[in-house]
Amino acid sequence: MAGAGSAAVSGAGTPVAGPAGRDLFAEGLLEFLRPAVQQLDSHVHAVRESQVELREQIDNLASELCRINEDQKVALDLDPYVKKLLNARRRVVLVNNILQNAQISPELTSAASPLSAEEDWP
């Protein structure tokens, strides 16, 4: 098996040397990794969608707490809770930005469709 490290093997079992061998090896490796990459990409997409929903729920809850706080005749200070919600919202946006930057490039997964940067994120 001399030289097996420098040559790829074609589908017929014959060694292919040089750039063609590297290309064949790269294609094979991409085909091998493609299902895992596509699955990871779909999970990232699902997490980003849930992050959007979570952010919307936090916004709704924060505005509802502000409204309740304004309508209360008894002095009930809800500002600390609103601040905690806004802090949580900030962390959700941060996680989404990290996920967006880590999302798989379309060159690796032609069938996967990463979310665009034009999403409804501040």
PDB file of N, CA and C in Angstrom:
ATOM      1  N   MET A   1       0.818  -1.194   0.000  1.00  0.00           N
ATOM      2  CA  MET A   1       0.000   0.000   0.000  1.00  0.00           C
ATOM      3  C   MET A   1       0.859   1.253   0.000  1.00  0.00           C
ATOM      4  N   ALA A   2       1.965   1.231  -0.669  1.00  0.00           N
ATOM      5  CA  ALA A   2       2.836   2.389  -0.735  1.00  0.00           C
ATOM      6  C   ALA A   2       2.139   3.483  -1.516  1.00  0.00           C
ATOM      7  N   GLY A   3       2.198   4.708  -0.984  1.00  0.00           N
ATOM      8  CA  GLY A   3       1.598   5.844  -1.661  1.00  0.00           C
ATOM      9  C   GLY A   3       0.101   5.959  -1.468  1.00  0.00           C
ATOM     10  N   ALA A   4      -0.499   5.150  -0.614  1.00  0.00           N
ATOM     11  CA  ALA A   4      -1.943   5.211  -0.417  1.00  0.00           C
ATOM     12  C   ALA A   4      -2.370   6.501   0.245  1.00  0.00           C
ATOM     13  N   GLY A   5      -1.478   7.138   0.995  1.00  0.00           N
ATOM     14  CA  GLY A   5      -1.818   8.394   1.655  1.00  0.00           C
ATOM     15  C   GLY A   5      -1.888   9.558   0.698  1.00  0.00           C
ATOM     16  N   SER A   6      -1.256   9.449  -0.487  1.00  0.00           N
ATOM     17  CA  SER A   6      -1.232  10.574  -1.406  1.00  0.00           C
ATOM     18  C   SER A   6      -2.188  10.411  -2.573  1.00  0.00           C
ATOM     19  N   ALA A   7      -2.860   9.283  -2.666  1.00  0.00           N
ATOM     20  CA  ALA A   7      -3.764   9.059  -3.791  1.00  0.00           C
ATOM     21  C   ALA A   7      -5.131   8.655  -3.277  1.00  0.00           C
ATOM     22  N   ALA A   8      -6.158   9.158  -3.938  1.00  0.00           N
ATOM     23  CA  ALA A   8      -7.518   8.758  -3.609  1.00  0.00           C
ATOM     24  C   ALA A   8      -7.874   7.550  -4.458  1.00  0.00           C
ATOM     25  N   VAL A   9      -8.965   6.915  -4.131  1.00  0.00           N
ATOM     26  CA  VAL A   9      -9.407   5.738  -4.866  1.00  0.00           C
ATOM     27  C   VAL A   9     -10.749   6.059  -5.487  1.00  0.00           C
ATOM     28  N   SER A  10     -10.887   5.780  -6.772  1.00  0.00           N
ATOM     29  CA  SER A  10     -12.139   6.051  -7.471  1.00  0.00           C
ATOM     30  C   SER A  10     -13.185   5.026  -7.060  1.00  0.00           C
ATOM     31  N   GLY A  11     -14.402   5.229  -7.559  1.00  0.00           N
ATOM     32  CA  GLY A  11     -15.490   4.299  -7.245  1.00  0.00           C
ATOM     33  C   GLY A  11     -15.197   2.894  -7.735  1.00  0.00           C
ATOM     34  N   ALA A  12     -14.376   2.753  -8.754  1.00  0.00           N
ATOM     35  CA  ALA A  12     -14.037   1.436  -9.291  1.00  0.00           C
ATOM     36  C   ALA A  12     -12.910   0.782  -8.512  1.00  0.00           C
ATOM     37  N   GLY A  13     -12.331   1.493  -7.544  1.00  0.00           N
ATOM     38  CA  GLY A  13     -11.270   0.921  -6.728  1.00  0.00           C
ATOM     39  C   GLY A  13      -9.885   1.193  -7.270  1.00  0.00           C
ATOM     40  N   THR A  14      -9.771   1.995  -8.330  1.00  0.00           N
ATOM     41  CA  THR A  14      -8.458   2.308  -8.875  1.00  0.00           C
ATOM     42  C   THR A  14      -7.962   3.607  -8.279  1.00  0.00           C
ATOM     43  N   PRO A  15      -6.662   3.670  -7.944  1.00  0.00           N
ATOM     44  CA  PRO A  15      -6.124   4.897  -7.335  1.00  0.00           C
ATOM     45  C   PRO A  15      -6.133   6.063  -8.318  1.00  0.00           C
ATOM     46  N   VAL A  16      -6.428   7.256  -7.789  1.00  0.00           N
ATOM     47  CA  VAL A  16      -6.412   8.477  -8.584  1.00  0.00           C
ATOM     48  C   VAL A  16      -5.430   9.413  -7.904  1.00  0.00           C
ATOM     49  N   ALA A  17      -4.374   9.825  -8.630  1.00  0.00           N
ATOM     50  CA  ALA A  17      -3.331  10.641  -8.023  1.00  0.00           C
ATOM     51  C   ALA A  17      -3.508  12.104  -8.392  1.00  0.00           C
ATOM     52  N   GLY A  18      -2.832  12.972  -7.639  1.00  0.00           N
ATOM     53  CA  GLY A  18      -2.765  14.394  -7.960  1.00  0.00           C
ATOM     54  C   GLY A  18      -4.010  15.160  -7.595  1.00  0.00           C
ATOM     55  N   PRO A  19      -4.201  16.309  -8.274  1.00  0.00           N
ATOM     56  CA  PRO A  19      -5.340  17.182  -7.960  1.00  0.00           C
ATOM     57  C   PRO A  19      -6.689  16.499  -8.149  1.00  0.00           C
ATOM     58  N   ALA A  20      -6.783  15.629  -9.133  1.00  0.00           N
ATOM     59  CA  ALA A  20      -8.053  14.931  -9.341  1.00  0.00           C
ATOM     60  C   ALA A  20      -8.376  14.052  -8.141  1.00  0.00           C
ATOM     61  N   GLY A  21      -7.373  13.442  -7.557  1.00  0.00           N
ATOM     62  CA  GLY A  21      -7.569  12.619  -6.371  1.00  0.00           C
ATOM     63  C   GLY A  21      -8.007  13.444  -5.179  1.00  0.00           C
ATOM     64  N   ARG A  22      -7.409  14.613  -5.038  1.00  0.00           N
ATOM     65  CA  ARG A  22      -7.809  15.506  -3.933  1.00  0.00           C
ATOM     66  C   ARG A  22      -9.247  15.960  -4.114  1.00  0.00           C
ATOM     67  N   ASP A  23      -9.598  16.305  -5.348  1.00  0.00           N
ATOM     68  CA  ASP A  23     -10.968  16.742  -5.620  1.00  0.00           C
ATOM     69  C   ASP A  23     -11.963  15.619  -5.337  1.00  0.00           C
ATOM     70  N   LEU A  24     -11.602  14.422  -5.756  1.00  0.00           N
ATOM     71  CA  LEU A  24     -12.470  13.266  -5.521  1.00  0.00           C
ATOM     72  C   LEU A  24     -12.626  13.012  -4.028  1.00  0.00           C
ATOM     73  N   PHE A  25     -11.512  13.114  -3.300  1.00  0.00           N
ATOM     74  CA  PHE A  25     -11.555  12.923  -1.855  1.00  0.00           C
ATOM     75  C   PHE A  25     -12.421  13.994  -1.193  1.00  0.00           C
ATOM     76  N   ALA A  26     -12.240  15.265  -1.632  1.00  0.00           N
ATOM     77  CA  ALA A  26     -13.026  16.369  -1.068  1.00  0.00           C
ATOM     78  C   ALA A  26     -14.513  16.168  -1.331  1.00  0.00           C
ATOM     79  N   GLU A  27     -14.853  15.751  -2.552  1.00  0.00           N
ATOM     80  CA  GLU A  27     -16.262  15.500  -2.873  1.00  0.00           C
ATOM     81  C   GLU A  27     -16.835  14.386  -2.005  1.00  0.00           C
ATOM     82  N   GLY A  28     -16.065  13.330  -1.853  1.00  0.00           N
ATOM     83  CA  GLY A  28     -16.515  12.215  -1.016  1.00  0.00           C
ATOM     84  C   GLY A  28     -16.706  12.629   0.427  1.00  0.00           C
ATOM     85  N   LEU A  29     -15.775  13.415   0.929  1.00  0.00           N
ATOM     86  CA  LEU A  29     -15.873  13.888   2.311  1.00  0.00           C
ATOM     87  C   LEU A  29     -17.091  14.790   2.487  1.00  0.00           C
ATOM     88  N   LEU A  30     -17.329  15.679   1.523  1.00  0.00           N
ATOM     89  CA  LEU A  30     -18.507  16.555   1.601  1.00  0.00           C
ATOM     90  C   LEU A  30     -19.794  15.749   1.559  1.00  0.00           C
ATOM     91  N   GLU A  31     -19.842  14.750   0.680  1.00  0.00           N
ATOM     92  CA  GLU A  31     -21.039  13.907   0.610  1.00  0.00           C
ATOM     93  C   GLU A  31     -21.245  13.134   1.908  1.00  0.00           C
ATOM     94  N   PHE A  32     -20.157  12.722   2.527  1.00  0.00           N
ATOM     95  CA  PHE A  32     -20.244  11.999   3.799  1.00  0.00           C
ATOM     96  C   PHE A  32     -20.759  12.909   4.911  1.00  0.00           C
ATOM     97  N   LEU A  33     -20.300  14.156   4.927  1.00  0.00           N
ATOM     98  CA  LEU A  33     -20.663  15.089   6.000  1.00  0.00           C
ATOM     99  C   LEU A  33     -21.976  15.829   5.736  1.00  0.00           C
ATOM    100  N   ARG A  34     -22.428  15.872   4.497  1.00  0.00           N
ATOM    101  CA  ARG A  34     -23.605  16.659   4.134  1.00  0.00           C
ATOM    102  C   ARG A  34     -24.842  16.371   5.002  1.00  0.00           C
ATOM    103  N   PRO A  35     -25.228  15.109   5.273  1.00  0.00           N
ATOM    104  CA  PRO A  35     -26.425  14.886   6.096  1.00  0.00           C
ATOM    105  C   PRO A  35     -26.301  15.470   7.509  1.00  0.00           C
ATOM    106  N   ALA A  36     -25.126  15.331   8.112  1.00  0.00           N
ATOM    107  CA  ALA A  36     -24.944  15.885   9.453  1.00  0.00           C
ATOM    108  C   ALA A  36     -24.990  17.405   9.430  1.00  0.00           C
ATOM    109  N   VAL A  37     -24.387  17.989   8.421  1.00  0.00           N
ATOM    110  CA  VAL A  37     -24.383  19.449   8.303  1.00  0.00           C
ATOM    111  C   VAL A  37     -25.793  19.963   8.050  1.00  0.00           C
ATOM    112  N   GLN A  38     -26.546  19.278   7.199  1.00  0.00           N
ATOM    113  CA  GLN A  38     -27.920  19.689   6.929  1.00  0.00           C
ATOM    114  C   GLN A  38     -28.790  19.563   8.181  1.00  0.00           C
ATOM    115  N   GLN A  39     -28.589  18.501   8.946  1.00  0.00           N
ATOM    116  CA  GLN A  39     -29.359  18.330  10.176  1.00  0.00           C
ATOM    117  C   GLN A  39     -29.013  19.432  11.170  1.00  0.00           C
ATOM    118  N   LEU A  40     -27.728  19.733  11.307  1.00  0.00           N
ATOM    119  CA  LEU A  40     -27.309  20.808  12.198  1.00  0.00           C
ATOM    120  C   LEU A  40     -27.903  22.138  11.753  1.00  0.00           C
ATOM    121  N   ASP A  41     -27.890  22.389  10.467  1.00  0.00           N
ATOM    122  CA  ASP A  41     -28.442  23.624   9.940  1.00  0.00           C
ATOM    123  C   ASP A  41     -29.936  23.730  10.209  1.00  0.00           C
ATOM    124  N   SER A  42     -30.655  22.625  10.062  1.00  0.00           N
ATOM    125  CA  SER A  42     -32.094  22.667  10.323  1.00  0.00           C
ATOM    126  C   SER A  42     -32.373  22.895  11.810  1.00  0.00           C
ATOM    127  N   HIS A  43     -31.532  22.345  12.680  1.00  0.00           N
ATOM    128  CA  HIS A  43     -31.709  22.586  14.116  1.00  0.00           C
ATOM    129  C   HIS A  43     -31.420  24.046  14.461  1.00  0.00           C
ATOM    130  N   VAL A  44     -30.385  24.610  13.861  1.00  0.00           N
ATOM    131  CA  VAL A  44     -30.081  26.027  14.092  1.00  0.00           C
ATOM    132  C   VAL A  44     -31.243  26.882  13.606  1.00  0.00           C
ATOM    133  N   HIS A  45     -31.796  26.542  12.462  1.00  0.00           N
ATOM    134  CA  HIS A  45     -32.942  27.279  11.921  1.00  0.00           C
ATOM    135  C   HIS A  45     -34.129  27.215  12.904  1.00  0.00           C
ATOM    136  N   ALA A  46     -34.398  26.028  13.443  1.00  0.00           N
ATOM    137  CA  ALA A  46     -35.512  25.867  14.388  1.00  0.00           C
ATOM    138  C   ALA A  46     -35.268  26.668  15.664  1.00  0.00           C
ATOM    139  N   VAL A  47     -34.037  26.670  16.139  1.00  0.00           N
ATOM    140  CA  VAL A  47     -33.715  27.432  17.354  1.00  0.00           C
ATOM    141  C   VAL A  47     -33.884  28.920  17.090  1.00  0.00           C
ATOM    142  N   ARG A  48     -33.456  29.374  15.935  1.00  0.00           N
ATOM    143  CA  ARG A  48     -33.616  30.795  15.620  1.00  0.00           C
ATOM    144  C   ARG A  48     -35.085  31.175  15.549  1.00  0.00           C
ATOM    145  N   GLU A  49     -35.916  30.312  14.984  1.00  0.00           N
ATOM    146  CA  GLU A  49     -37.359  30.600  14.942  1.00  0.00           C
ATOM    147  C   GLU A  49     -37.934  30.669  16.353  1.00  0.00           C
ATOM    148  N   SER A  50     -37.522  29.756  17.223  1.00  0.00           N
ATOM    149  CA  SER A  50     -38.030  29.790  18.599  1.00  0.00           C
ATOM    150  C   SER A  50     -37.512  31.019  19.333  1.00  0.00           C
ATOM    151  N   GLN A  51     -36.306  31.479  18.979  1.00  0.00           N
ATOM    152  CA  GLN A  51     -35.775  32.701  19.591  1.00  0.00           C
ATOM    153  C   GLN A  51     -36.626  33.907  19.187  1.00  0.00           C
ATOM    154  N   VAL A  52     -37.088  33.933  17.953  1.00  0.00           N
ATOM    155  CA  VAL A  52     -37.958  35.029  17.500  1.00  0.00           C
ATOM    156  C   VAL A  52     -39.257  35.009  18.301  1.00  0.00           C
ATOM    157  N   GLU A  53     -39.837  33.827  18.453  1.00  0.00           N
ATOM    158  CA  GLU A  53     -41.077  33.706  19.223  1.00  0.00           C
ATOM    159  C   GLU A  53     -40.869  34.117  20.680  1.00  0.00           C
ATOM    160  N   LEU A  54     -39.764  33.684  21.264  1.00  0.00           N
ATOM    161  CA  LEU A  54     -39.465  34.037  22.649  1.00  0.00           C
ATOM    162  C   LEU A  54     -39.292  35.541  22.800  1.00  0.00           C
ATOM    163  N   ARG A  55     -38.580  36.156  21.878  1.00  0.00           N
ATOM    164  CA  ARG A  55     -38.385  37.604  21.936  1.00  0.00           C
ATOM    165  C   ARG A  55     -39.723  38.327  21.858  1.00  0.00           C
ATOM    166  N   GLU A  56     -40.618  37.867  20.983  1.00  0.00           N
ATOM    167  CA  GLU A  56     -41.934  38.494  20.866  1.00  0.00           C
ATOM    168  C   GLU A  56     -42.737  38.335  22.156  1.00  0.00           C
ATOM    169  N   GLN A  57     -42.679  37.159  22.761  1.00  0.00           N
ATOM    170  CA  GLN A  57     -43.397  36.942  24.015  1.00  0.00           C
ATOM    171  C   GLN A  57     -42.839  37.827  25.131  1.00  0.00           C
ATOM    172  N   ILE A  58     -41.516  37.979  25.182  1.00  0.00           N
ATOM    173  CA  ILE A  58     -40.906  38.847  26.190  1.00  0.00           C
ATOM    174  C   ILE A  58     -41.355  40.288  25.972  1.00  0.00           C
ATOM    175  N   ASP A  59     -41.372  40.739  24.724  1.00  0.00           N
ATOM    176  CA  ASP A  59     -41.833  42.099  24.436  1.00  0.00           C
ATOM    177  C   ASP A  59     -43.280  42.296  24.871  1.00  0.00           C
ATOM    178  N   ASN A  60     -44.139  41.319  24.552  1.00  0.00           N
ATOM    179  CA  ASN A  60     -45.551  41.414  24.944  1.00  0.00           C
ATOM    180  C   ASN A  60     -45.707  41.456  26.459  1.00  0.00           C
ATOM    181  N   LEU A  61     -44.983  40.593  27.148  1.00  0.00           N
ATOM    182  CA  LEU A  61     -45.078  40.554  28.608  1.00  0.00           C
ATOM    183  C   LEU A  61     -44.556  41.844  29.232  1.00  0.00           C
ATOM    184  N   ALA A  62     -43.469  42.368  28.711  1.00  0.00           N
ATOM    185  CA  ALA A  62     -42.918  43.616  29.248  1.00  0.00           C
ATOM    186  C   ALA A  62     -43.898  44.766  29.058  1.00  0.00           C
ATOM    187  N   SER A  63     -44.506  44.860  27.875  1.00  0.00           N
ATOM    188  CA  SER A  63     -45.466  45.950  27.657  1.00  0.00           C
ATOM    189  C   SER A  63     -46.712  45.764  28.516  1.00  0.00           C
ATOM    190  N   GLU A  64     -47.136  44.514  28.709  1.00  0.00           N
ATOM    191  CA  GLU A  64     -48.289  44.245  29.574  1.00  0.00           C
ATOM    192  C   GLU A  64     -47.981  44.618  31.025  1.00  0.00           C
ATOM    193  N   LEU A  65     -46.781  44.304  31.502  1.00  0.00           N
ATOM    194  CA  LEU A  65     -46.393  44.691  32.864  1.00  0.00           C
ATOM    195  C   LEU A  65     -46.344  46.210  33.010  1.00  0.00           C
ATOM    196  N   CYS A  66     -45.854  46.898  32.005  1.00  0.00           N
ATOM    197  CA  CYS A  66     -45.839  48.370  32.052  1.00  0.00           C
ATOM    198  C   CYS A  66     -47.258  48.918  32.113  1.00  0.00           C
ATOM    199  N   ARG A  67     -48.155  48.334  31.309  1.00  0.00           N
ATOM    200  CA  ARG A  67     -49.552  48.781  31.316  1.00  0.00           C
ATOM    201  C   ARG A  67     -50.189  48.531  32.679  1.00  0.00           C
ATOM    202  N   ILE A  68     -49.954  47.360  33.251  1.00  0.00           N
ATOM    203  CA  ILE A  68     -50.503  47.041  34.570  1.00  0.00           C
ATOM    204  C   ILE A  68     -49.949  47.993  35.608  1.00  0.00           C
ATOM    205  N   ASN A  69     -48.665  48.271  35.508  1.00  0.00           N
ATOM    206  CA  ASN A  69     -48.017  49.167  36.463  1.00  0.00           C
ATOM    207  C   ASN A  69     -48.627  50.571  36.389  1.00  0.00           C
ATOM    208  N   GLU A  70     -48.959  51.036  35.189  1.00  0.00           N
ATOM    209  CA  GLU A  70     -49.564  52.357  35.028  1.00  0.00           C
ATOM    210  C   GLU A  70     -51.005  52.384  35.526  1.00  0.00           C
ATOM    211  N   ASP A  71     -51.731  51.264  35.372  1.00  0.00           N
ATOM    212  CA  ASP A  71     -53.141  51.208  35.749  1.00  0.00           C
ATOM    213  C   ASP A  71     -53.359  50.957  37.244  1.00  0.00           C
ATOM    214  N   GLN A  72     -52.360  50.524  37.956  1.00  0.00           N
ATOM    215  CA  GLN A  72     -52.508  50.187  39.376  1.00  0.00           C
ATOM    216  C   GLN A  72     -52.710  51.447  40.204  1.00  0.00           C
ATOM    217  N   LYS A  73     -53.712  51.354  41.072  1.00  0.00           N
ATOM    218  CA  LYS A  73     -53.933  52.449  42.013  1.00  0.00           C
ATOM    219  C   LYS A  73     -53.009  52.291  43.216  1.00  0.00           C
ATOM    220  N   VAL A  74     -52.690  51.049  43.548  1.00  0.00           N
ATOM    221  CA  VAL A  74     -51.753  50.767  44.624  1.00  0.00           C
ATOM    222  C   VAL A  74     -50.353  50.832  44.030  1.00  0.00           C
ATOM    223  N   ALA A  75     -49.461  51.433  44.772  1.00  0.00           N
ATOM    224  CA  ALA A  75     -48.093  51.567  44.287  1.00  0.00           C
ATOM    225  C   ALA A  75     -47.404  50.202  44.307  1.00  0.00           C
ATOM    226  N   LEU A  76     -47.371  49.566  43.165  1.00  0.00           N
ATOM    227  CA  LEU A  76     -46.705  48.279  43.021  1.00  0.00           C
ATOM    228  C   LEU A  76     -45.592  48.471  41.995  1.00  0.00           C
ATOM    229  N   ASP A  77     -44.363  48.324  42.449  1.00  0.00           N
ATOM    230  CA  ASP A  77     -43.224  48.602  41.584  1.00  0.00           C
ATOM    231  C   ASP A  77     -42.871  47.370  40.754  1.00  0.00           C
ATOM    232  N   LEU A  78     -43.246  47.414  39.474  1.00  0.00           N
ATOM    233  CA  LEU A  78     -42.948  46.315  38.561  1.00  0.00           C
ATOM    234  C   LEU A  78     -41.717  46.603  37.699  1.00  0.00           C
ATOM    235  N   ASP A  79     -41.125  47.773  37.885  1.00  0.00           N
ATOM    236  CA  ASP A  79     -39.966  48.132  37.071  1.00  0.00           C
ATOM    237  C   ASP A  79     -38.819  47.121  37.150  1.00  0.00           C
ATOM    238  N   PRO A  80     -38.497  46.577  38.317  1.00  0.00           N
ATOM    239  CA  PRO A  80     -37.408  45.579  38.351  1.00  0.00           C
ATOM    240  C   PRO A  80     -37.716  44.352  37.487  1.00  0.00           C
ATOM    241  N   TYR A  81     -38.985  43.963  37.435  1.00  0.00           N
ATOM    242  CA  TYR A  81     -39.366  42.799  36.633  1.00  0.00           C
ATOM    243  C   TYR A  81     -39.297  43.112  35.146  1.00  0.00           C
ATOM    244  N   VAL A  82     -39.689  44.332  34.792  1.00  0.00           N
ATOM    245  CA  VAL A  82     -39.588  44.756  33.399  1.00  0.00           C
ATOM    246  C   VAL A  82     -38.122  44.789  32.984  1.00  0.00           C
ATOM    247  N   LYS A  83     -37.262  45.290  33.861  1.00  0.00           N
ATOM    248  CA  LYS A  83     -35.831  45.328  33.555  1.00  0.00           C
ATOM    249  C   LYS A  83     -35.268  43.925  33.382  1.00  0.00           C
ATOM    250  N   LYS A  84     -35.718  42.987  34.218  1.00  0.00           N
ATOM    251  CA  LYS A  84     -35.267  41.597  34.073  1.00  0.00           C
ATOM    252  C   LYS A  84     -35.717  41.012  32.742  1.00  0.00           C
ATOM    253  N   LEU A  85     -36.959  41.316  32.340  1.00  0.00           N
ATOM    254  CA  LEU A  85     -37.458  40.836  31.049  1.00  0.00           C
ATOM    255  C   LEU A  85     -36.648  41.428  29.892  1.00  0.00           C
ATOM    256  N   LEU A  86     -36.362  42.708  29.974  1.00  0.00           N
ATOM    257  CA  LEU A  86     -35.583  43.335  28.911  1.00  0.00           C
ATOM    258  C   LEU A  86     -34.156  42.786  28.870  1.00  0.00           C
ATOM    259  N   ASN A  87     -33.616  42.451  30.026  1.00  0.00           N
ATOM    260  CA  ASN A  87     -32.301  41.801  30.085  1.00  0.00           C
ATOM    261  C   ASN A  87     -32.359  40.435  29.404  1.00  0.00           C
ATOM    262  N   ALA A  88     -33.418  39.684  29.687  1.00  0.00           N
ATOM    263  CA  ALA A  88     -33.585  38.366  29.060  1.00  0.00           C
ATOM    264  C   ALA A  88     -33.734  38.522  27.551  1.00  0.00           C
ATOM    265  N   ARG A  89     -34.460  39.544  27.118  1.00  0.00           N
ATOM    266  CA  ARG A  89     -34.627  39.805  25.691  1.00  0.00           C
ATOM    267  C   ARG A  89     -33.281  40.100  25.047  1.00  0.00           C
ATOM    268  N   ARG A  90     -32.458  40.894  25.720  1.00  0.00           N
ATOM    269  CA  ARG A  90     -31.130  41.213  25.204  1.00  0.00           C
ATOM    270  C   ARG A  90     -30.302  39.944  25.026  1.00  0.00           C
ATOM    271  N   ARG A  91     -30.386  39.020  25.981  1.00  0.00           N
ATOM    272  CA  ARG A  91     -29.648  37.754  25.875  1.00  0.00           C
ATOM    273  C   ARG A  91     -30.187  36.891  24.735  1.00  0.00           C
ATOM    274  N   VAL A  92     -31.501  36.917  24.532  1.00  0.00           N
ATOM    275  CA  VAL A  92     -32.096  36.157  23.421  1.00  0.00           C
ATOM    276  C   VAL A  92     -31.567  36.693  22.092  1.00  0.00           C
ATOM    277  N   VAL A  93     -31.504  38.010  21.960  1.00  0.00           N
ATOM    278  CA  VAL A  93     -30.989  38.616  20.733  1.00  0.00           C
ATOM    279  C   VAL A  93     -29.518  38.247  20.551  1.00  0.00           C
ATOM    280  N   LEU A  94     -28.750  38.249  21.636  1.00  0.00           N
ATOM    281  CA  LEU A  94     -27.340  37.884  21.562  1.00  0.00           C
ATOM    282  C   LEU A  94     -27.168  36.438  21.087  1.00  0.00           C
ATOM    283  N   VAL A  95     -27.956  35.526  21.639  1.00  0.00           N
ATOM    284  CA  VAL A  95     -27.888  34.127  21.220  1.00  0.00           C
ATOM    285  C   VAL A  95     -28.255  34.003  19.749  1.00  0.00           C
ATOM    286  N   ASN A  96     -29.270  34.735  19.316  1.00  0.00           N
ATOM    287  CA  ASN A  96     -29.652  34.685  17.910  1.00  0.00           C
ATOM    288  C   ASN A  96     -28.523  35.174  17.010  1.00  0.00           C
ATOM    289  N   ASN A  97     -27.850  36.238  17.415  1.00  0.00           N
ATOM    290  CA  ASN A  97     -26.734  36.738  16.616  1.00  0.00           C
ATOM    291  C   ASN A  97     -25.613  35.708  16.527  1.00  0.00           C
ATOM    292  N   ILE A  98     -25.347  35.027  17.620  1.00  0.00           N
ATOM    293  CA  ILE A  98     -24.323  33.976  17.619  1.00  0.00           C
ATOM    294  C   ILE A  98     -24.740  32.850  16.679  1.00  0.00           C
ATOM    295  N   LEU A  99     -25.997  32.441  16.756  1.00  0.00           N
ATOM    296  CA  LEU A  99     -26.489  31.380  15.876  1.00  0.00           C
ATOM    297  C   LEU A  99     -26.433  31.804  14.415  1.00  0.00           C
ATOM    298  N   GLN A 100     -26.773  33.046  14.154  1.00  0.00           N
ATOM    299  CA  GLN A 100     -26.759  33.531  12.776  1.00  0.00           C
ATOM    300  C   GLN A 100     -25.342  33.511  12.220  1.00  0.00           C
ATOM    301  N   ASN A 101     -24.368  33.902  13.033  1.00  0.00           N
ATOM    302  CA  ASN A 101     -22.979  33.898  12.579  1.00  0.00           C
ATOM    303  C   ASN A 101     -22.426  32.491  12.429  1.00  0.00           C
ATOM    304  N   ALA A 102     -22.967  31.543  13.196  1.00  0.00           N
ATOM    305  CA  ALA A 102     -22.462  30.172  13.144  1.00  0.00           C
ATOM    306  C   ALA A 102     -23.201  29.307  12.142  1.00  0.00           C
ATOM    307  N   GLN A 103     -24.239  29.837  11.541  1.00  0.00           N
ATOM    308  CA  GLN A 103     -25.038  29.020  10.628  1.00  0.00           C
ATOM    309  C   GLN A 103     -24.203  28.582   9.448  1.00  0.00           C
ATOM    310  N   ILE A 104     -24.474  27.376   8.990  1.00  0.00           N
ATOM    311  CA  ILE A 104     -23.713  26.728   7.930  1.00  0.00           C
ATOM    312  C   ILE A 104     -23.873  27.497   6.620  1.00  0.00           C
ATOM    313  N   SER A 105     -22.768  27.615   5.877  1.00  0.00           N
ATOM    314  CA  SER A 105     -22.815  28.330   4.606  1.00  0.00           C
ATOM    315  C   SER A 105     -23.513  27.494   3.545  1.00  0.00           C
ATOM    316  N   PRO A 106     -24.181  28.145   2.602  1.00  0.00           N
ATOM    317  CA  PRO A 106     -24.908  27.415   1.560  1.00  0.00           C
ATOM    318  C   PRO A 106     -23.990  26.600   0.654  1.00  0.00           C
ATOM    319  N   GLU A 107     -22.694  26.941   0.587  1.00  0.00           N
ATOM    320  CA  GLU A 107     -21.777  26.177  -0.250  1.00  0.00           C
ATOM    321  C   GLU A 107     -21.636  24.744   0.262  1.00  0.00           C
ATOM    322  N   LEU A 108     -21.720  24.575   1.593  1.00  0.00           N
ATOM    323  CA  LEU A 108     -21.586  23.233   2.156  1.00  0.00           C
ATOM    324  C   LEU A 108     -22.862  22.434   2.039  1.00  0.00           C
ATOM    325  N   THR A 109     -23.982  23.125   2.132  1.00  0.00           N
ATOM    326  CA  THR A 109     -25.256  22.415   2.075  1.00  0.00           C
ATOM    327  C   THR A 109     -26.141  23.070   1.039  1.00  0.00           C
ATOM    328  N   SER A 110     -26.083  22.570  -0.159  1.00  0.00           N
ATOM    329  CA  SER A 110     -26.882  23.174  -1.218  1.00  0.00           C
ATOM    330  C   SER A 110     -28.371  22.997  -0.967  1.00  0.00           C
ATOM    331  N   ALA A 111     -28.770  21.923  -0.267  1.00  0.00           N
ATOM    332  CA  ALA A 111     -30.187  21.696   0.008  1.00  0.00           C
ATOM    333  C   ALA A 111     -30.667  22.497   1.210  1.00  0.00           C
ATOM    334  N   ALA A 112     -29.763  22.902   2.095  1.00  0.00           N
ATOM    335  CA  ALA A 112     -30.152  23.659   3.290  1.00  0.00           C
ATOM    336  C   ALA A 112     -30.322  25.119   2.905  1.00  0.00           C
ATOM    337  N   SER A 113     -31.252  25.791   3.597  1.00  0.00           N
ATOM    338  CA  SER A 113     -31.468  27.205   3.303  1.00  0.00           C
ATOM    339  C   SER A 113     -31.342  28.003   4.587  1.00  0.00           C
ATOM    340  N   PRO A 114     -30.154  28.590   4.843  1.00  0.00           N
ATOM    341  CA  PRO A 114     -29.971  29.389   6.059  1.00  0.00           C
ATOM    342  C   PRO A 114     -30.889  30.603   6.067  1.00  0.00           C
ATOM    343  N   LEU A 115     -31.248  31.045   7.249  1.00  0.00           N
ATOM    344  CA  LEU A 115     -32.077  32.234   7.382  1.00  0.00           C
ATOM    345  C   LEU A 115     -31.309  33.445   6.878  1.00  0.00           C
ATOM    346  N   SER A 116     -31.984  34.350   6.274  1.00  0.00           N
ATOM    347  CA  SER A 116     -31.324  35.535   5.760  1.00  0.00           C
ATOM    348  C   SER A 116     -31.078  36.530   6.881  1.00  0.00           C
ATOM    349  N   ALA A 117     -30.190  37.454   6.609  1.00  0.00           N
ATOM    350  CA  ALA A 117     -29.856  38.476   7.597  1.00  0.00           C
ATOM    351  C   ALA A 117     -30.968  39.504   7.725  1.00  0.00           C
ATOM    352  N   GLU A 118     -31.964  39.468   6.844  1.00  0.00           N
ATOM    353  CA  GLU A 118     -33.041  40.437   6.894  1.00  0.00           C
ATOM    354  C   GLU A 118     -34.150  40.035   7.861  1.00  0.00           C
ATOM    355  N   GLU A 119     -33.889  39.092   8.740  1.00  0.00           N
ATOM    356  CA  GLU A 119     -34.876  38.677   9.725  1.00  0.00           C
ATOM    357  C   GLU A 119     -35.294  39.860  10.580  1.00  0.00           C
ATOM    358  N   ASP A 120     -36.371  39.743  11.265  1.00  0.00           N
ATOM    359  CA  ASP A 120     -36.914  40.803  12.104  1.00  0.00           C
ATOM    360  C   ASP A 120     -36.163  40.861  13.428  1.00  0.00           C
ATOM    361  N   TRP A 121     -34.906  41.256  13.369  1.00  0.00           N
ATOM    362  CA  TRP A 121     -34.088  41.383  14.587  1.00  0.00           C
ATOM    363  C   TRP A 121     -33.524  42.787  14.646  1.00  0.00           C
ATOM    364  N   PRO A 122     -33.523  43.354  15.840  1.00  0.00           N
ATOM    365  CA  PRO A 122     -32.975  44.716  15.967  1.00  0.00           C
ATOM    366  C   PRO A 122     -31.474  44.738  15.827  1.00  0.00           C
TER     367      PRO A 122
END
